[in-house]
Amino acid sequence: MKRLLLTNWHFMRFLRVGLAVFLFAQAYITHEWFFIAFGLFFLFQAIFNLGCGPNGCSVNYDKKK
């Protein structure tokens, strides 16, 4: 778990954390608490490195013989 959280940080992970922080701040400033759900979504993706990568969300269809 420690390795998952501390390695392989790239631009998209930082972008997701930044977007989550921005959404949390907007929820606090505007008192629109629904933004927290979106912020949690992006924070969850950033922490666990989930989501589509640069190759898209495709599935590898290569069959091994």
N, C-alpha and C. Protein backbone atom coordinates (compact mmCIF):
# COMPACT_ATOMS: atom_id res chain seq x y z
N MET A 1 0.83 -1.19 0.00
CA MET A 1 0.00 0.00 0.00
C MET A 1 0.88 1.26 0.00
N LYS A 2 1.94 1.21 0.77
CA LYS A 2 2.85 2.36 0.83
C LYS A 2 3.47 2.62 -0.54
N ARG A 3 3.83 1.55 -1.24
CA ARG A 3 4.44 1.69 -2.56
C ARG A 3 3.44 2.29 -3.55
N LEU A 4 2.18 1.88 -3.45
CA LEU A 4 1.13 2.40 -4.34
C LEU A 4 0.95 3.90 -4.15
N LEU A 5 1.01 4.35 -2.92
CA LEU A 5 0.77 5.76 -2.63
C LEU A 5 1.97 6.65 -2.93
N LEU A 6 3.18 6.12 -2.82
CA LEU A 6 4.37 6.96 -2.90
C LEU A 6 5.13 6.87 -4.21
N THR A 7 4.76 5.98 -5.12
CA THR A 7 5.49 5.85 -6.38
C THR A 7 4.58 6.13 -7.56
N ASN A 8 5.20 6.30 -8.71
CA ASN A 8 4.53 6.47 -9.99
C ASN A 8 3.62 7.70 -10.02
N TRP A 9 4.10 8.82 -9.48
CA TRP A 9 3.35 10.07 -9.56
C TRP A 9 3.68 10.73 -10.88
N HIS A 10 2.68 11.06 -11.65
CA HIS A 10 2.85 11.69 -12.94
C HIS A 10 1.89 12.87 -13.05
N PHE A 11 1.89 13.50 -14.21
CA PHE A 11 1.12 14.73 -14.40
C PHE A 11 -0.35 14.54 -14.09
N MET A 12 -0.97 13.46 -14.53
CA MET A 12 -2.40 13.27 -14.32
C MET A 12 -2.76 13.10 -12.85
N ARG A 13 -1.89 12.46 -12.10
CA ARG A 13 -2.17 12.31 -10.66
C ARG A 13 -2.12 13.66 -9.97
N PHE A 14 -1.12 14.48 -10.32
CA PHE A 14 -1.04 15.81 -9.74
C PHE A 14 -2.22 16.68 -10.18
N LEU A 15 -2.63 16.53 -11.42
CA LEU A 15 -3.77 17.29 -11.91
C LEU A 15 -5.05 16.91 -11.16
N ARG A 16 -5.23 15.63 -10.90
CA ARG A 16 -6.42 15.18 -10.16
C ARG A 16 -6.41 15.69 -8.73
N VAL A 17 -5.24 15.71 -8.09
CA VAL A 17 -5.16 16.25 -6.73
C VAL A 17 -5.47 17.74 -6.75
N GLY A 18 -4.91 18.45 -7.72
CA GLY A 18 -5.18 19.87 -7.83
C GLY A 18 -6.65 20.16 -8.07
N LEU A 19 -7.28 19.37 -8.92
CA LEU A 19 -8.70 19.54 -9.19
C LEU A 19 -9.54 19.24 -7.95
N ALA A 20 -9.15 18.24 -7.19
CA ALA A 20 -9.87 17.91 -5.96
C ALA A 20 -9.75 19.05 -4.95
N VAL A 21 -8.56 19.60 -4.79
CA VAL A 21 -8.37 20.71 -3.86
C VAL A 21 -9.18 21.92 -4.32
N PHE A 22 -9.18 22.19 -5.62
CA PHE A 22 -9.96 23.29 -6.16
C PHE A 22 -11.45 23.10 -5.87
N LEU A 23 -11.95 21.88 -6.07
CA LEU A 23 -13.37 21.62 -5.82
C LEU A 23 -13.72 21.72 -4.34
N PHE A 24 -12.82 21.28 -3.47
CA PHE A 24 -13.05 21.43 -2.03
C PHE A 24 -13.10 22.90 -1.65
N ALA A 25 -12.19 23.71 -2.22
CA ALA A 25 -12.18 25.14 -1.92
C ALA A 25 -13.44 25.81 -2.44
N GLN A 26 -13.88 25.45 -3.63
CA GLN A 26 -15.10 26.03 -4.18
C GLN A 26 -16.32 25.65 -3.35
N ALA A 27 -16.34 24.42 -2.86
CA ALA A 27 -17.46 24.00 -2.01
C ALA A 27 -17.50 24.83 -0.73
N TYR A 28 -16.34 25.11 -0.18
CA TYR A 28 -16.28 25.90 1.05
C TYR A 28 -16.65 27.36 0.79
N ILE A 29 -16.12 27.93 -0.29
CA ILE A 29 -16.34 29.35 -0.57
C ILE A 29 -17.78 29.63 -0.96
N THR A 30 -18.34 28.80 -1.83
CA THR A 30 -19.69 29.05 -2.34
C THR A 30 -20.79 28.38 -1.53
N HIS A 31 -20.40 27.56 -0.57
CA HIS A 31 -21.36 26.80 0.25
C HIS A 31 -22.23 25.88 -0.59
N GLU A 32 -21.69 25.43 -1.70
CA GLU A 32 -22.35 24.41 -2.54
C GLU A 32 -21.68 23.08 -2.22
N TRP A 33 -22.20 22.39 -1.25
CA TRP A 33 -21.52 21.23 -0.69
C TRP A 33 -21.53 20.03 -1.62
N PHE A 34 -22.28 20.12 -2.69
CA PHE A 34 -22.30 19.02 -3.67
C PHE A 34 -20.95 18.88 -4.36
N PHE A 35 -20.16 19.96 -4.44
CA PHE A 35 -18.83 19.89 -5.06
C PHE A 35 -17.88 18.96 -4.31
N ILE A 36 -18.16 18.70 -3.05
CA ILE A 36 -17.30 17.80 -2.28
C ILE A 36 -17.34 16.40 -2.87
N ALA A 37 -18.48 15.97 -3.38
CA ALA A 37 -18.58 14.63 -3.99
C ALA A 37 -17.66 14.52 -5.19
N PHE A 38 -17.63 15.55 -6.03
CA PHE A 38 -16.73 15.54 -7.18
C PHE A 38 -15.27 15.60 -6.74
N GLY A 39 -15.00 16.39 -5.72
CA GLY A 39 -13.64 16.47 -5.19
C GLY A 39 -13.17 15.14 -4.63
N LEU A 40 -14.04 14.45 -3.94
CA LEU A 40 -13.69 13.13 -3.41
C LEU A 40 -13.44 12.12 -4.52
N PHE A 41 -14.21 12.24 -5.59
CA PHE A 41 -14.02 11.36 -6.73
C PHE A 41 -12.62 11.53 -7.33
N PHE A 42 -12.21 12.77 -7.57
CA PHE A 42 -10.90 13.01 -8.14
C PHE A 42 -9.78 12.70 -7.16
N LEU A 43 -9.99 12.93 -5.88
CA LEU A 43 -8.98 12.60 -4.88
C LEU A 43 -8.79 11.08 -4.79
N PHE A 44 -9.88 10.34 -4.84
CA PHE A 44 -9.81 8.88 -4.82
C PHE A 44 -9.03 8.36 -6.03
N GLN A 45 -9.29 8.93 -7.20
CA GLN A 45 -8.56 8.52 -8.40
C GLN A 45 -7.08 8.83 -8.28
N ALA A 46 -6.74 9.97 -7.71
CA ALA A 46 -5.34 10.36 -7.60
C ALA A 46 -4.61 9.49 -6.58
N ILE A 47 -5.23 9.23 -5.45
CA ILE A 47 -4.54 8.46 -4.40
C ILE A 47 -4.28 7.04 -4.85
N PHE A 48 -5.26 6.41 -5.46
CA PHE A 48 -5.12 5.01 -5.84
C PHE A 48 -4.70 4.81 -7.29
N ASN A 49 -4.38 5.90 -8.00
CA ASN A 49 -3.90 5.87 -9.38
C ASN A 49 -4.87 5.10 -10.28
N LEU A 50 -6.13 5.44 -10.18
CA LEU A 50 -7.17 4.82 -11.00
C LEU A 50 -7.56 5.77 -12.12
N GLY A 51 -8.28 5.27 -13.07
CA GLY A 51 -8.75 6.09 -14.18
C GLY A 51 -8.04 5.69 -15.45
N CYS A 52 -8.45 6.30 -16.52
CA CYS A 52 -7.89 6.00 -17.82
C CYS A 52 -6.51 6.62 -17.96
N GLY A 53 -5.61 5.88 -18.53
CA GLY A 53 -4.25 6.37 -18.76
C GLY A 53 -4.13 7.05 -20.10
N PRO A 54 -2.91 7.31 -20.53
CA PRO A 54 -2.72 8.00 -21.81
C PRO A 54 -3.17 7.17 -23.01
N ASN A 55 -3.29 5.85 -22.86
CA ASN A 55 -3.73 4.99 -23.96
C ASN A 55 -5.24 4.82 -24.00
N GLY A 56 -5.95 5.49 -23.14
CA GLY A 56 -7.40 5.37 -23.09
C GLY A 56 -7.81 4.21 -22.19
N CYS A 57 -9.07 3.91 -22.21
CA CYS A 57 -9.62 2.86 -21.35
C CYS A 57 -9.81 1.56 -22.11
N SER A 58 -8.98 1.30 -23.06
CA SER A 58 -9.16 0.11 -23.87
C SER A 58 -8.65 -1.14 -23.14
N VAL A 59 -9.17 -2.27 -23.55
CA VAL A 59 -8.77 -3.54 -23.01
C VAL A 59 -7.81 -4.21 -23.99
N ASN A 60 -6.78 -4.83 -23.47
CA ASN A 60 -5.79 -5.49 -24.32
C ASN A 60 -6.40 -6.78 -24.86
N TYR A 61 -6.58 -6.87 -26.18
CA TYR A 61 -7.21 -8.03 -26.80
C TYR A 61 -6.19 -8.99 -27.42
N ASP A 62 -4.92 -8.84 -27.14
CA ASP A 62 -3.92 -9.74 -27.70
C ASP A 62 -4.11 -11.14 -27.13
N LYS A 63 -4.25 -12.11 -28.05
CA LYS A 63 -4.41 -13.49 -27.62
C LYS A 63 -3.07 -14.18 -27.69
N LYS A 64 -2.73 -14.87 -26.64
CA LYS A 64 -1.48 -15.62 -26.60
C LYS A 64 -1.76 -17.06 -27.00
N LYS A 65 -0.92 -17.57 -27.88
CA LYS A 65 -1.11 -18.96 -28.34
C LYS A 65 -0.11 -19.86 -27.69
